[in-house]
């Protein structure tokens, strides 16, 4: 049996894709849950368990039409995020911003903070060091909304929500 054969039904909705493989939409943790305020541990094992998490996060962020999703948002305290923006879909394991420049102010929302949005100041450009799902190291440079999405998701890995950084928050 594979890890993907064991899925907690109470935390996921299961469906089959066209190739008959199991995929999962994970429930998104909402503000007020302590897991969103904890610092995540680095990923040390690049195995089927990580791959399943990344696959599930992809399905979840696409279903929710979000720009990104961090592992603590699905209850997993590991340094894993996915970002889905105009530049493409990206998986970042053990990401770390090593350089940033410029400034941009703009509205942000969050899949874990439903019904609100806020104005947040973020760097205009970032350089990100990370690993892929197999543990291979990479460096990526992002700017504009892509940089904003990366910063937003990486904040989740340290227990920070956009509402903590926002100069103004309002209901939508």
Protein backbone atom coordinates (compact mmCIF):
# COMPACT_ATOMS: atom_id res chain seq x y z
CA UNK A 1 0.00 0.00 0.00
CA UNK A 2 1.03 3.58 -0.56
CA UNK A 3 0.73 6.54 1.77
CA UNK A 4 -1.88 7.95 -0.63
CA UNK A 5 -4.13 4.97 0.26
CA UNK A 6 -4.50 6.33 3.81
CA UNK A 7 -6.35 9.63 3.83
CA UNK A 8 -8.08 11.23 6.81
CA UNK A 9 -11.60 11.65 5.45
CA UNK A 10 -12.56 14.16 8.15
CA UNK A 11 -9.92 16.65 6.95
CA UNK A 12 -10.11 16.09 3.19
CA UNK A 13 -12.58 15.65 0.37
CA UNK A 14 -11.47 12.78 -1.86
CA UNK A 15 -12.06 12.46 -5.58
CA UNK A 16 -10.49 10.55 -8.44
CA UNK A 17 -8.80 12.28 -11.33
CA UNK A 18 -8.88 11.17 -14.95
CA UNK A 19 -6.00 8.74 -14.46
CA UNK A 20 -7.83 7.10 -11.52
CA UNK A 21 -5.25 8.31 -9.00
CA UNK A 22 -6.34 9.57 -5.60
CA UNK A 23 -6.16 13.33 -5.14
CA UNK A 24 -7.28 15.34 -2.15
CA UNK A 25 -8.63 18.75 -1.39
CA UNK A 26 -7.50 19.65 2.12
CA UNK A 27 -9.52 21.75 4.52
CA UNK A 28 -8.03 25.20 5.06
CA UNK A 29 -7.40 26.21 8.67
CA UNK A 30 -9.02 29.53 9.62
CA UNK A 31 -7.73 32.44 11.70
CA UNK A 32 -8.10 31.66 15.40
CA UNK A 33 -6.58 28.19 15.06
CA UNK A 34 -3.26 28.06 16.95
CA UNK A 35 -1.51 26.19 14.11
CA UNK A 36 -1.45 29.42 12.08
CA UNK A 37 0.62 31.13 14.82
CA UNK A 38 3.37 28.52 15.09
CA UNK A 39 6.81 28.44 13.47
CA UNK A 40 7.24 25.58 11.00
CA UNK A 41 10.05 23.03 11.04
CA UNK A 42 12.24 22.48 7.98
CA UNK A 43 11.58 19.52 5.71
CA UNK A 44 14.27 16.88 6.12
CA UNK A 45 12.77 13.93 4.25
CA UNK A 46 11.92 14.31 0.57
CA UNK A 47 9.63 11.32 0.20
CA UNK A 48 6.13 10.21 -0.81
CA UNK A 49 4.63 11.93 2.23
CA UNK A 50 6.00 15.30 1.05
CA UNK A 51 4.97 14.62 -2.54
CA UNK A 52 1.41 13.82 -1.43
CA UNK A 53 1.29 17.04 0.61
CA UNK A 54 2.49 19.09 -2.38
CA UNK A 55 0.01 17.40 -4.72
CA UNK A 56 -2.84 18.00 -2.28
CA UNK A 57 -1.80 21.63 -1.77
CA UNK A 58 -1.83 22.16 -5.53
CA UNK A 59 -5.33 20.73 -5.86
CA UNK A 60 -6.51 22.79 -2.88
CA UNK A 61 -5.09 26.15 -4.02
CA UNK A 62 -6.48 25.63 -7.52
CA UNK A 63 -9.95 24.71 -6.18
CA UNK A 64 -9.95 27.77 -3.90
CA UNK A 65 -8.57 29.98 -6.72
CA UNK A 66 -5.84 31.32 -4.44
CA UNK A 67 -2.47 32.81 -5.31
CA UNK A 68 -0.73 30.54 -2.83
CA UNK A 69 -0.99 28.18 0.10
CA UNK A 70 1.36 27.34 2.96
CA UNK A 71 1.49 23.99 4.75
CA UNK A 72 0.30 25.38 8.12
CA UNK A 73 -2.88 26.51 6.34
CA UNK A 74 -3.70 22.82 5.92
CA UNK A 75 -2.54 21.95 9.43
CA UNK A 76 1.02 20.81 8.61
CA UNK A 77 3.86 22.56 10.45
CA UNK A 78 6.53 22.17 7.76
CA UNK A 79 8.31 24.80 5.64
CA UNK A 80 6.39 24.12 2.41
CA UNK A 81 4.47 26.57 0.22
CA UNK A 82 2.91 26.62 -3.22
CA UNK A 83 2.38 29.75 -5.31
CA UNK A 84 0.09 29.94 -8.35
CA UNK A 85 0.48 33.26 -10.18
CA UNK A 86 0.71 34.60 -13.73
CA UNK A 87 4.35 33.45 -13.94
CA UNK A 88 3.25 29.87 -13.27
CA UNK A 89 2.75 27.31 -10.55
CA UNK A 90 5.65 26.88 -8.08
CA UNK A 91 6.48 24.56 -5.19
CA UNK A 92 8.93 25.86 -2.57
CA UNK A 93 10.37 23.58 0.11
CA UNK A 94 12.47 25.15 2.88
CA UNK A 95 12.26 28.58 1.20
CA UNK A 96 14.27 31.54 2.44
CA UNK A 97 14.33 35.09 1.12
CA UNK A 98 17.99 36.06 0.84
CA UNK A 99 17.60 39.47 -0.78
CA UNK A 100 14.85 42.03 -1.15
CA UNK A 101 14.57 45.51 -2.61
CA UNK A 102 12.06 48.22 -3.33
CA UNK A 103 8.61 48.56 -1.86
CA UNK A 104 5.04 48.02 -2.96
CA UNK A 105 1.78 48.62 -1.12
CA UNK A 106 -1.32 46.70 -2.08
CA UNK A 107 -4.39 44.78 -1.06
CA UNK A 108 -4.05 41.21 0.16
CA UNK A 109 -6.49 38.54 1.16
CA UNK A 110 -5.93 35.07 2.56
CA UNK A 111 -7.63 31.70 2.29
CA UNK A 112 -7.26 31.45 6.10
CA UNK A 113 -8.81 34.89 6.75
CA UNK A 114 -12.11 34.69 4.88
CA UNK A 115 -14.14 37.82 4.26
CA UNK A 116 -11.39 40.38 4.86
CA UNK A 117 -8.68 42.17 2.93
CA UNK A 118 -5.93 44.55 3.96
CA UNK A 119 -3.27 46.90 2.64
CA UNK A 120 0.22 45.48 3.19
CA UNK A 121 3.68 46.83 2.37
CA UNK A 122 5.96 44.23 0.74
CA UNK A 123 9.28 44.27 -1.14
CA UNK A 124 9.01 44.90 -4.89
CA UNK A 125 11.71 42.28 -5.63
CA UNK A 126 12.93 39.20 -3.77
CA UNK A 127 15.57 36.54 -4.26
CA UNK A 128 14.45 33.17 -2.93
CA UNK A 129 16.57 30.13 -2.12
CA UNK A 130 14.56 26.90 -1.87
CA UNK A 131 14.46 23.19 -2.60
CA UNK A 132 12.14 21.33 -4.92
CA UNK A 133 10.14 18.22 -3.99
CA UNK A 134 13.25 16.07 -4.54
CA UNK A 135 15.56 18.19 -2.37
CA UNK A 136 17.38 19.90 -5.25
CA UNK A 137 18.45 23.48 -4.42
CA UNK A 138 17.32 26.45 -6.54
CA UNK A 139 17.45 30.24 -6.57
CA UNK A 140 14.59 32.30 -7.97
CA UNK A 141 14.10 36.04 -8.46
CA UNK A 142 10.58 37.45 -8.35
CA UNK A 143 9.07 40.90 -8.64
CA UNK A 144 5.70 42.60 -8.33
CA UNK A 145 2.73 40.44 -7.42
CA UNK A 146 4.86 37.27 -7.62
CA UNK A 147 7.18 38.70 -4.93
CA UNK A 148 4.14 39.74 -2.86
CA UNK A 149 2.67 36.23 -3.02
CA UNK A 150 6.00 34.66 -1.98
CA UNK A 151 6.35 37.02 0.99
CA UNK A 152 2.75 36.41 2.06
CA UNK A 153 3.15 32.62 1.98
CA UNK A 154 6.55 32.63 3.69
CA UNK A 155 5.07 34.70 6.53
CA UNK A 156 2.75 31.76 7.25
CA UNK A 157 5.80 29.57 7.91
CA UNK A 158 6.72 31.82 10.84
CA UNK A 159 3.20 32.18 12.27
CA UNK A 160 2.58 35.61 10.75
CA UNK A 161 -0.65 36.56 8.97
CA UNK A 162 -1.11 39.47 6.58
CA UNK A 163 -3.50 41.06 9.10
CA UNK A 164 -0.51 41.43 11.45
CA UNK A 165 1.30 43.57 8.84
CA UNK A 166 -1.65 45.41 7.32
CA UNK A 167 -1.98 49.17 7.72
CA UNK A 168 -5.71 48.84 7.10
CA UNK A 169 -8.08 45.82 7.17
CA UNK A 170 -11.69 45.79 6.01
CA UNK A 171 -14.51 43.34 5.42
CA UNK A 172 -15.28 42.39 1.83
